[in-house]
Amino acid sequence: MLLRASALRALDRRREALADLDEAIRSPTLIPAAHPHASEAFIQVEVSALRSELYALLGQCMHENGELRRALDAYDAAIQLQPSHGILLLLRAAANYRCGAYVDAHDDIRQALAPGAMEGAPVEVVAEAQQLLGLSLARCGEMWGAIAALSAALHLVSADEAGPSTTPPSSPRPASNPAAHPAAHHTAHHTARLLVQRGTVLLMCERLEGAVEDFSAAIELRPGWALALHRRGFALKALLQVEGAVGIQRDPAGSSGMQRGV
C-alpha cells in the first residue's frame, strides 16, 4: 500500500494517496516483509520504520495540499518513531518554515545536519538542508550565519555539478547551454535561486559589491529573470550612492575597477 500511495502522489492523485495512507496507518496488522526466522525485536524495528515512512508520506501529501498543521502532526508522528532521521527532520523543517515557525525550522535543520543524521543522502538533499538553514537564519536575523549556510549550499551544488574532484570550485560557473539538458537546466535554476538568496542577504548586510556579483551570476544562469534584475538594480543604485558619498568614481570606460576621486 505504501508503494501504491507513493505512485498516486507522483501522479498528483493525492486524495487517493491519502486514503491509502490513512487505511494503512490504521491497520492493526501492519507487518513488513521479513525473513521467516526474524526475531520479534527485529520485526518491531521494521514495523516502526514502516509506520514512520507512512507518516512521512502522509505529511508530504498534506504539505503539498497546503494543510501544513496536519502535515506537521504527521511529521511529528514519523519523527517520534525515528527521532534521528535527518530526512524526516528536514521535511518537518520545511513545513515549519512555511508556517513562519523559523526558530523551529532552524532547530530541526541543525539536528538534520548533525553527524550521521543524513548519512548516505544525495548531495542535493544536503544542499537543500543548507539552503533552508540559511533562509531560516536570515529570518531569525542571523545574517552572517545565513550567508555561510547559503555559501555551503552553493558549494555543494557546484561540486555535485562538476563531479568528483579534490578541489571543487569555490563559486559556481554557468554551463555553456544549461537548457540543452533538463538536469543541467534544473541545476542552473537552482544555483541561480541560491545566488539571489545569498545576494539578498548580502544586500541586507550592506555588502553591496558582493550582492551585485551574486545577482549578476544569477542573471548569467537565468537571463531575463526579473527578480534578479530588479535586485541587482537596487544594489547598484545603493552602491552608486555609497560611492558618491565617499568620493569614489567608476572607470568611465566601464571597467569593474574603482579609483578614488580627487
C-alpha atoms as a PDB file:
ATOM      1  CA  MET A   1       0.000   0.000   0.000  1.00  0.00           C
ATOM      2  CA  LEU A   2       2.947   2.330   0.672  1.00  0.00           C
ATOM      3  CA  LEU A   3       4.182   1.818  -2.884  1.00  0.00           C
ATOM      4  CA  ARG A   4       0.738   2.490  -4.339  1.00  0.00           C
ATOM      5  CA  ALA A   5       0.364   5.645  -2.249  1.00  0.00           C
ATOM      6  CA  SER A   6       3.795   6.824  -3.448  1.00  0.00           C
ATOM      7  CA  ALA A   7       2.765   6.218  -7.054  1.00  0.00           C
ATOM      8  CA  LEU A   8      -0.531   8.046  -6.580  1.00  0.00           C
ATOM      9  CA  ARG A   9       1.293  11.018  -5.071  1.00  0.00           C
ATOM     10  CA  ALA A  10       3.701  11.077  -8.024  1.00  0.00           C
ATOM     11  CA  LEU A  11       0.666  11.229 -10.317  1.00  0.00           C
ATOM     12  CA  ASP A  12      -0.764  14.179  -8.310  1.00  0.00           C
ATOM     13  CA  ARG A  13      -3.624  11.950  -7.145  1.00  0.00           C
ATOM     14  CA  ARG A  14      -3.025  12.959  -3.562  1.00  0.00           C
ATOM     15  CA  ARG A  15      -6.556  12.416  -2.256  1.00  0.00           C
ATOM     16  CA  GLU A  16      -6.381   8.761  -3.274  1.00  0.00           C
ATOM     17  CA  ALA A  17      -2.895   8.523  -1.794  1.00  0.00           C
ATOM     18  CA  LEU A  18      -4.166   9.979   1.478  1.00  0.00           C
ATOM     19  CA  ALA A  19      -6.988   7.425   1.606  1.00  0.00           C
ATOM     20  CA  ASP A  20      -4.486   4.578   1.168  1.00  0.00           C
ATOM     21  CA  LEU A  21      -2.167   6.008   3.804  1.00  0.00           C
ATOM     22  CA  ASP A  22      -4.965   6.516   6.342  1.00  0.00           C
ATOM     23  CA  GLU A  23      -6.057   2.915   5.849  1.00  0.00           C
ATOM     24  CA  ALA A  24      -2.508   1.590   6.173  1.00  0.00           C
ATOM     25  CA  ILE A  25      -1.750   3.599   9.314  1.00  0.00           C
ATOM     26  CA  ARG A  26      -4.960   2.432  10.997  1.00  0.00           C
ATOM     27  CA  SER A  27      -4.308  -1.193  10.090  1.00  0.00           C
ATOM     28  CA  PRO A  28      -3.646  -3.285  13.226  1.00  0.00           C
ATOM     29  CA  THR A  29      -1.829  -5.904  11.132  1.00  0.00           C
ATOM     30  CA  LEU A  30       0.856  -3.738   9.555  1.00  0.00           C
ATOM     31  CA  ILE A  31       3.711  -6.225   9.133  1.00  0.00           C
ATOM     32  CA  PRO A  32       6.605  -5.616   6.729  1.00  0.00           C
ATOM     33  CA  ALA A  33       8.175  -8.359   4.661  1.00  0.00           C
ATOM     34  CA  ALA A  34      10.847 -10.040   6.785  1.00  0.00           C
ATOM     35  CA  HIS A  35      12.857 -13.217   6.976  1.00  0.00           C
ATOM     36  CA  PRO A  36      10.668 -16.060   8.322  1.00  0.00           C
ATOM     37  CA  HIS A  37      13.120 -16.603  11.170  1.00  0.00           C
ATOM     38  CA  ALA A  38      13.450 -12.931  12.115  1.00  0.00           C
ATOM     39  CA  SER A  39      13.282 -12.137  15.820  1.00  0.00           C
ATOM     40  CA  GLU A  40      10.360 -10.315  17.396  1.00  0.00           C
ATOM     41  CA  ALA A  41      12.634  -7.369  18.201  1.00  0.00           C
ATOM     42  CA  PHE A  42      13.740  -7.106  14.568  1.00  0.00           C
ATOM     43  CA  ILE A  43      10.146  -7.185  13.355  1.00  0.00           C
ATOM     44  CA  GLN A  44       9.196  -4.409  15.782  1.00  0.00           C
ATOM     45  CA  VAL A  45      12.024  -2.226  14.475  1.00  0.00           C
ATOM     46  CA  GLU A  46      10.861  -2.869  10.921  1.00  0.00           C
ATOM     47  CA  VAL A  47       7.249  -2.082  11.825  1.00  0.00           C
ATOM     48  CA  SER A  48       8.324   1.220  13.412  1.00  0.00           C
ATOM     49  CA  ALA A  49      10.343   2.126  10.320  1.00  0.00           C
ATOM     50  CA  LEU A  50       7.420   1.275   8.032  1.00  0.00           C
ATOM     51  CA  ARG A  51       4.953   3.290  10.113  1.00  0.00           C
ATOM     52  CA  SER A  52       7.407   6.189  10.084  1.00  0.00           C
ATOM     53  CA  GLU A  53       7.556   6.037   6.264  1.00  0.00           C
ATOM     54  CA  LEU A  54       3.765   6.043   6.091  1.00  0.00           C
ATOM     55  CA  TYR A  55       3.505   9.086   8.357  1.00  0.00           C
ATOM     56  CA  ALA A  56       6.244  10.853   6.369  1.00  0.00           C
ATOM     57  CA  LEU A  57       4.439  10.259   3.073  1.00  0.00           C
ATOM     58  CA  LEU A  58       1.183  11.368   4.691  1.00  0.00           C
ATOM     59  CA  GLY A  59       2.921  14.563   5.789  1.00  0.00           C
ATOM     60  CA  GLN A  60       4.257  15.202   2.292  1.00  0.00           C
ATOM     61  CA  CYS A  61       0.789  14.812   0.768  1.00  0.00           C
ATOM     62  CA  MET A  62      -0.680  17.168   3.377  1.00  0.00           C
ATOM     63  CA  HIS A  63       2.137  19.657   2.829  1.00  0.00           C
ATOM     64  CA  GLU A  64       1.556  19.658  -0.928  1.00  0.00           C
ATOM     65  CA  ASN A  65      -2.163  20.215  -0.316  1.00  0.00           C
ATOM     66  CA  GLY A  66      -1.361  23.237   1.833  1.00  0.00           C
ATOM     67  CA  GLU A  67      -2.578  21.525   5.026  1.00  0.00           C
ATOM     68  CA  LEU A  68       0.527  22.485   6.952  1.00  0.00           C
ATOM     69  CA  ARG A  69      -0.682  21.873  10.505  1.00  0.00           C
ATOM     70  CA  ARG A  70      -1.807  18.346   9.621  1.00  0.00           C
ATOM     71  CA  ALA A  71       1.496  17.837   7.796  1.00  0.00           C
ATOM     72  CA  LEU A  72       3.367  18.832  10.954  1.00  0.00           C
ATOM     73  CA  ASP A  73       1.303  16.371  13.012  1.00  0.00           C
ATOM     74  CA  ALA A  74       2.216  13.597  10.562  1.00  0.00           C
ATOM     75  CA  TYR A  75       5.910  14.533  10.615  1.00  0.00           C
ATOM     76  CA  ASP A  76       5.838  14.614  14.432  1.00  0.00           C
ATOM     77  CA  ALA A  77       4.481  11.056  14.431  1.00  0.00           C
ATOM     78  CA  ALA A  78       7.152   9.935  11.953  1.00  0.00           C
ATOM     79  CA  ILE A  79       9.974  11.524  13.962  1.00  0.00           C
ATOM     80  CA  GLN A  80       8.678  10.028  17.201  1.00  0.00           C
ATOM     81  CA  LEU A  81       9.269   6.618  15.617  1.00  0.00           C
ATOM     82  CA  GLN A  82      12.675   7.563  14.135  1.00  0.00           C
ATOM     83  CA  PRO A  83      13.971  10.531  16.174  1.00  0.00           C
ATOM     84  CA  SER A  84      17.349  10.984  14.460  1.00  0.00           C
ATOM     85  CA  HIS A  85      16.242  10.513  10.853  1.00  0.00           C
ATOM     86  CA  GLY A  86      17.694  13.509   9.018  1.00  0.00           C
ATOM     87  CA  ILE A  87      15.304  13.458   6.052  1.00  0.00           C
ATOM     88  CA  LEU A  88      12.270  13.452   8.340  1.00  0.00           C
ATOM     89  CA  LEU A  89      13.689  16.389  10.282  1.00  0.00           C
ATOM     90  CA  LEU A  90      14.286  18.236   7.012  1.00  0.00           C
ATOM     91  CA  LEU A  91      10.690  17.629   5.904  1.00  0.00           C
ATOM     92  CA  ARG A  92       9.347  18.988   9.185  1.00  0.00           C
ATOM     93  CA  ALA A  93      11.723  21.948   8.965  1.00  0.00           C
ATOM     94  CA  ALA A  94      10.313  22.851   5.534  1.00  0.00           C
ATOM     95  CA  ALA A  95       6.764  22.740   6.896  1.00  0.00           C
ATOM     96  CA  ASN A  96       7.742  24.822   9.941  1.00  0.00           C
ATOM     97  CA  TYR A  97       9.384  27.370   7.659  1.00  0.00           C
ATOM     98  CA  ARG A  98       6.250  27.682   5.540  1.00  0.00           C
ATOM     99  CA  CYS A  99       4.223  28.167   8.742  1.00  0.00           C
ATOM    100  CA  GLY A 100       6.528  31.008   9.796  1.00  0.00           C
ATOM    101  CA  ALA A 101       7.977  28.989  12.682  1.00  0.00           C
ATOM    102  CA  TYR A 102      11.544  29.920  11.735  1.00  0.00           C
ATOM    103  CA  VAL A 103      13.158  29.038  15.072  1.00  0.00           C
ATOM    104  CA  ASP A 104      11.587  25.558  14.995  1.00  0.00           C
ATOM    105  CA  ALA A 105      12.723  25.154  11.387  1.00  0.00           C
ATOM    106  CA  HIS A 106      16.253  26.170  12.378  1.00  0.00           C
ATOM    107  CA  ASP A 107      16.308  23.678  15.264  1.00  0.00           C
ATOM    108  CA  ASP A 108      15.116  20.837  13.017  1.00  0.00           C
ATOM    109  CA  ILE A 109      17.729  21.566  10.353  1.00  0.00           C
ATOM    110  CA  ARG A 110      20.517  21.727  12.918  1.00  0.00           C
ATOM    111  CA  GLN A 111      19.512  18.238  14.042  1.00  0.00           C
ATOM    112  CA  ALA A 112      19.186  17.051  10.436  1.00  0.00           C
ATOM    113  CA  LEU A 113      22.731  18.232   9.688  1.00  0.00           C
ATOM    114  CA  ALA A 114      24.197  16.556  12.783  1.00  0.00           C
ATOM    115  CA  PRO A 115      26.859  13.920  12.018  1.00  0.00           C
ATOM    116  CA  GLY A 116      25.261  10.698  10.775  1.00  0.00           C
ATOM    117  CA  ALA A 117      21.697  12.049  10.581  1.00  0.00           C
ATOM    118  CA  MET A 118      21.706  12.188   6.771  1.00  0.00           C
ATOM    119  CA  GLU A 119      24.349   9.595   6.087  1.00  0.00           C
ATOM    120  CA  GLY A 120      24.025   8.373   2.504  1.00  0.00           C
ATOM    121  CA  ALA A 121      21.641  11.174   1.488  1.00  0.00           C
ATOM    122  CA  PRO A 122      22.145  12.615  -2.026  1.00  0.00           C
ATOM    123  CA  VAL A 123      24.229  15.771  -2.251  1.00  0.00           C
ATOM    124  CA  GLU A 124      21.240  17.779  -3.482  1.00  0.00           C
ATOM    125  CA  VAL A 125      19.308  16.897  -0.319  1.00  0.00           C
ATOM    126  CA  VAL A 126      22.164  18.078   1.910  1.00  0.00           C
ATOM    127  CA  ALA A 127      22.358  21.249  -0.211  1.00  0.00           C
ATOM    128  CA  GLU A 128      18.615  21.747   0.306  1.00  0.00           C
ATOM    129  CA  ALA A 129      19.140  21.439   4.058  1.00  0.00           C
ATOM    130  CA  GLN A 130      21.896  24.069   3.982  1.00  0.00           C
ATOM    131  CA  GLN A 131      19.683  26.330   1.873  1.00  0.00           C
ATOM    132  CA  LEU A 132      16.783  26.040   4.303  1.00  0.00           C
ATOM    133  CA  LEU A 133      19.167  26.616   7.207  1.00  0.00           C
ATOM    134  CA  GLY A 134      20.360  29.817   5.543  1.00  0.00           C
ATOM    135  CA  LEU A 135      16.834  31.072   4.920  1.00  0.00           C
ATOM    136  CA  SER A 136      15.778  30.269   8.500  1.00  0.00           C
ATOM    137  CA  LEU A 137      18.820  32.028   9.956  1.00  0.00           C
ATOM    138  CA  ALA A 138      18.110  35.099   7.824  1.00  0.00           C
ATOM    139  CA  ARG A 139      14.523  35.165   9.100  1.00  0.00           C
ATOM    140  CA  CYS A 140      15.882  34.965  12.647  1.00  0.00           C
ATOM    141  CA  GLY A 141      18.229  37.904  11.988  1.00  0.00           C
ATOM    142  CA  GLU A 142      21.445  35.838  11.995  1.00  0.00           C
ATOM    143  CA  MET A 143      22.707  37.213   8.679  1.00  0.00           C
ATOM    144  CA  TRP A 144      26.315  36.018   8.745  1.00  0.00           C
ATOM    145  CA  GLY A 145      25.231  32.507   9.617  1.00  0.00           C
ATOM    146  CA  ALA A 146      22.735  32.711   6.763  1.00  0.00           C
ATOM    147  CA  ILE A 147      25.464  33.734   4.303  1.00  0.00           C
ATOM    148  CA  ALA A 148      27.676  30.859   5.474  1.00  0.00           C
ATOM    149  CA  ALA A 149      24.861  28.302   5.074  1.00  0.00           C
ATOM    150  CA  LEU A 150      23.842  29.563   1.618  1.00  0.00           C
ATOM    151  CA  SER A 151      27.511  29.536   0.573  1.00  0.00           C
ATOM    152  CA  ALA A 152      27.745  25.915   1.744  1.00  0.00           C
ATOM    153  CA  ALA A 153      24.668  25.062  -0.335  1.00  0.00           C
ATOM    154  CA  LEU A 154      26.203  26.724  -3.408  1.00  0.00           C
ATOM    155  CA  HIS A 155      29.451  24.850  -2.841  1.00  0.00           C
ATOM    156  CA  LEU A 156      27.606  21.526  -2.663  1.00  0.00           C
ATOM    157  CA  VAL A 157      25.565  22.232  -5.799  1.00  0.00           C
ATOM    158  CA  SER A 158      28.587  23.334  -7.822  1.00  0.00           C
ATOM    159  CA  ALA A 159      30.695  20.402  -6.603  1.00  0.00           C
ATOM    160  CA  ASP A 160      27.892  17.969  -7.461  1.00  0.00           C
ATOM    161  CA  GLU A 161      27.564  19.519 -10.927  1.00  0.00           C
ATOM    162  CA  ALA A 162      31.328  19.333 -11.525  1.00  0.00           C
ATOM    163  CA  GLY A 163      31.582  15.708 -10.391  1.00  0.00           C
ATOM    164  CA  PRO A 164      34.202  14.176  -8.054  1.00  0.00           C
ATOM    165  CA  SER A 165      37.152  16.482  -7.575  1.00  0.00           C
ATOM    166  CA  THR A 166      39.796  17.054  -4.948  1.00  0.00           C
ATOM    167  CA  THR A 167      39.425  20.816  -5.344  1.00  0.00           C
ATOM    168  CA  PRO A 168      35.834  21.699  -6.201  1.00  0.00           C
ATOM    169  CA  PRO A 169      35.255  25.252  -7.463  1.00  0.00           C
ATOM    170  CA  SER A 170      34.647  27.867  -4.777  1.00  0.00           C
ATOM    171  CA  SER A 171      31.941  29.593  -6.826  1.00  0.00           C
ATOM    172  CA  PRO A 172      29.541  28.170  -9.419  1.00  0.00           C
ATOM    173  CA  ARG A 173      30.090  28.775 -13.088  1.00  0.00           C
ATOM    174  CA  PRO A 174      27.233  28.715 -15.594  1.00  0.00           C
ATOM    175  CA  ALA A 175      27.089  25.909 -18.129  1.00  0.00           C
ATOM    176  CA  SER A 176      27.558  26.913 -21.753  1.00  0.00           C
ATOM    177  CA  ASN A 177      23.977  25.913 -22.552  1.00  0.00           C
ATOM    178  CA  PRO A 178      22.034  24.833 -19.440  1.00  0.00           C
ATOM    179  CA  ALA A 179      18.812  24.401 -21.396  1.00  0.00           C
ATOM    180  CA  ALA A 180      20.399  21.770 -23.631  1.00  0.00           C
ATOM    181  CA  HIS A 181      19.835  19.122 -20.959  1.00  0.00           C
ATOM    182  CA  PRO A 182      16.939  19.041 -18.448  1.00  0.00           C
ATOM    183  CA  ALA A 183      19.177  18.120 -15.497  1.00  0.00           C
ATOM    184  CA  ALA A 184      21.604  20.938 -16.304  1.00  0.00           C
ATOM    185  CA  HIS A 185      18.671  23.322 -16.710  1.00  0.00           C
ATOM    186  CA  HIS A 186      17.326  22.361 -13.276  1.00  0.00           C
ATOM    187  CA  THR A 187      20.778  22.756 -11.697  1.00  0.00           C
ATOM    188  CA  ALA A 188      21.255  26.167 -13.309  1.00  0.00           C
ATOM    189  CA  HIS A 189      17.916  27.396 -11.979  1.00  0.00           C
ATOM    190  CA  HIS A 190      18.656  26.019  -8.507  1.00  0.00           C
ATOM    191  CA  THR A 191      22.072  27.684  -8.477  1.00  0.00           C
ATOM    192  CA  ALA A 192      20.569  30.971  -9.676  1.00  0.00           C
ATOM    193  CA  ARG A 193      17.968  30.851  -6.904  1.00  0.00           C
ATOM    194  CA  LEU A 194      20.685  30.253  -4.282  1.00  0.00           C
ATOM    195  CA  LEU A 195      22.728  33.144  -5.668  1.00  0.00           C
ATOM    196  CA  VAL A 196      19.760  35.506  -5.463  1.00  0.00           C
ATOM    197  CA  GLN A 197      19.029  34.379  -1.910  1.00  0.00           C
ATOM    198  CA  ARG A 198      22.636  34.919  -0.809  1.00  0.00           C
ATOM    199  CA  GLY A 199      22.798  38.200  -2.736  1.00  0.00           C
ATOM    200  CA  THR A 200      19.682  39.395  -0.924  1.00  0.00           C
ATOM    201  CA  VAL A 201      21.217  38.644   2.479  1.00  0.00           C
ATOM    202  CA  LEU A 202      24.443  40.394   1.425  1.00  0.00           C
ATOM    203  CA  LEU A 203      22.356  43.372   0.340  1.00  0.00           C
ATOM    204  CA  MET A 204      20.666  43.455   3.741  1.00  0.00           C
ATOM    205  CA  CYS A 205      24.149  43.431   5.339  1.00  0.00           C
ATOM    206  CA  GLU A 206      25.165  46.305   3.044  1.00  0.00           C
ATOM    207  CA  ARG A 207      27.783  44.141   1.323  1.00  0.00           C
ATOM    208  CA  LEU A 208      26.791  45.766  -1.935  1.00  0.00           C
ATOM    209  CA  GLU A 209      29.571  44.615  -4.245  1.00  0.00           C
ATOM    210  CA  GLY A 210      29.127  41.007  -3.172  1.00  0.00           C
ATOM    211  CA  ALA A 211      25.376  41.334  -3.704  1.00  0.00           C
ATOM    212  CA  VAL A 212      25.873  42.728  -7.219  1.00  0.00           C
ATOM    213  CA  GLU A 213      28.243  39.859  -8.049  1.00  0.00           C
ATOM    214  CA  ASP A 214      25.715  37.262  -6.892  1.00  0.00           C
ATOM    215  CA  PHE A 215      22.814  38.857  -8.770  1.00  0.00           C
ATOM    216  CA  SER A 216      24.954  39.141 -11.920  1.00  0.00           C
ATOM    217  CA  ALA A 217      25.958  35.463 -11.687  1.00  0.00           C
ATOM    218  CA  ALA A 218      22.281  34.526 -11.283  1.00  0.00           C
ATOM    219  CA  ILE A 219      21.380  36.538 -14.385  1.00  0.00           C
ATOM    220  CA  GLU A 220      24.092  34.705 -16.358  1.00  0.00           C
ATOM    221  CA  LEU A 221      22.374  31.456 -15.435  1.00  0.00           C
ATOM    222  CA  ARG A 222      18.820  32.756 -15.943  1.00  0.00           C
ATOM    223  CA  PRO A 223      18.935  35.639 -18.431  1.00  0.00           C
ATOM    224  CA  GLY A 224      15.999  37.987 -18.124  1.00  0.00           C
ATOM    225  CA  TRP A 225      14.985  36.799 -14.644  1.00  0.00           C
ATOM    226  CA  ALA A 226      13.017  39.789 -13.366  1.00  0.00           C
ATOM    227  CA  LEU A 227      13.688  39.197  -9.666  1.00  0.00           C
ATOM    228  CA  ALA A 228      17.471  39.045 -10.114  1.00  0.00           C
ATOM    229  CA  LEU A 229      17.445  42.071 -12.429  1.00  0.00           C
ATOM    230  CA  HIS A 230      15.335  44.112 -10.011  1.00  0.00           C
ATOM    231  CA  ARG A 231      17.524  43.307  -7.016  1.00  0.00           C
ATOM    232  CA  ARG A 232      20.750  43.946  -8.947  1.00  0.00           C
ATOM    233  CA  GLY A 233      19.364  47.340  -9.986  1.00  0.00           C
ATOM    234  CA  PHE A 234      18.529  48.130  -6.371  1.00  0.00           C
ATOM    235  CA  ALA A 235      22.024  47.042  -5.237  1.00  0.00           C
ATOM    236  CA  LEU A 236      23.733  49.063  -7.994  1.00  0.00           C
ATOM    237  CA  LYS A 237      21.739  52.154  -7.081  1.00  0.00           C
ATOM    238  CA  ALA A 238      22.737  51.773  -3.413  1.00  0.00           C
ATOM    239  CA  LEU A 239      26.366  51.156  -4.422  1.00  0.00           C
ATOM    240  CA  LEU A 240      26.463  54.316  -6.556  1.00  0.00           C
ATOM    241  CA  GLN A 241      25.038  56.322  -3.650  1.00  0.00           C
ATOM    242  CA  VAL A 242      27.757  54.992  -1.328  1.00  0.00           C
ATOM    243  CA  GLU A 243      30.479  55.672  -3.869  1.00  0.00           C
ATOM    244  CA  GLY A 244      29.190  59.202  -4.365  1.00  0.00           C
ATOM    245  CA  ALA A 245      29.197  59.811  -0.622  1.00  0.00           C
ATOM    246  CA  VAL A 246      32.848  58.728  -0.177  1.00  0.00           C
ATOM    247  CA  GLY A 247      34.146  60.214  -3.434  1.00  0.00           C
ATOM    248  CA  ILE A 248      34.691  57.026  -5.431  1.00  0.00           C
ATOM    249  CA  GLN A 249      34.286  57.171  -9.192  1.00  0.00           C
ATOM    250  CA  ARG A 250      33.848  54.237 -11.532  1.00  0.00           C
ATOM    251  CA  ASP A 251      36.111  53.977 -14.563  1.00  0.00           C
ATOM    252  CA  PRO A 252      34.202  55.746 -17.367  1.00  0.00           C
ATOM    253  CA  ALA A 253      35.395  53.018 -19.756  1.00  0.00           C
ATOM    254  CA  GLY A 254      33.151  50.648 -17.844  1.00  0.00           C
ATOM    255  CA  SER A 255      35.777  48.530 -16.088  1.00  0.00           C
ATOM    256  CA  SER A 256      34.929  46.991 -12.743  1.00  0.00           C
ATOM    257  CA  GLY A 257      37.867  48.710 -11.085  1.00  0.00           C
ATOM    258  CA  MET A 258      37.312  51.765  -8.916  1.00  0.00           C
ATOM    259  CA  GLN A 259      39.517  54.744  -8.257  1.00  0.00           C
ATOM    260  CA  ARG A 260      39.240  57.348  -5.549  1.00  0.00           C
ATOM    261  CA  GLY A 261      38.105  60.701  -6.888  1.00  0.00           C
ATOM    262  CA  VAL A 262      40.174  63.826  -6.450  1.00  0.00           C
END
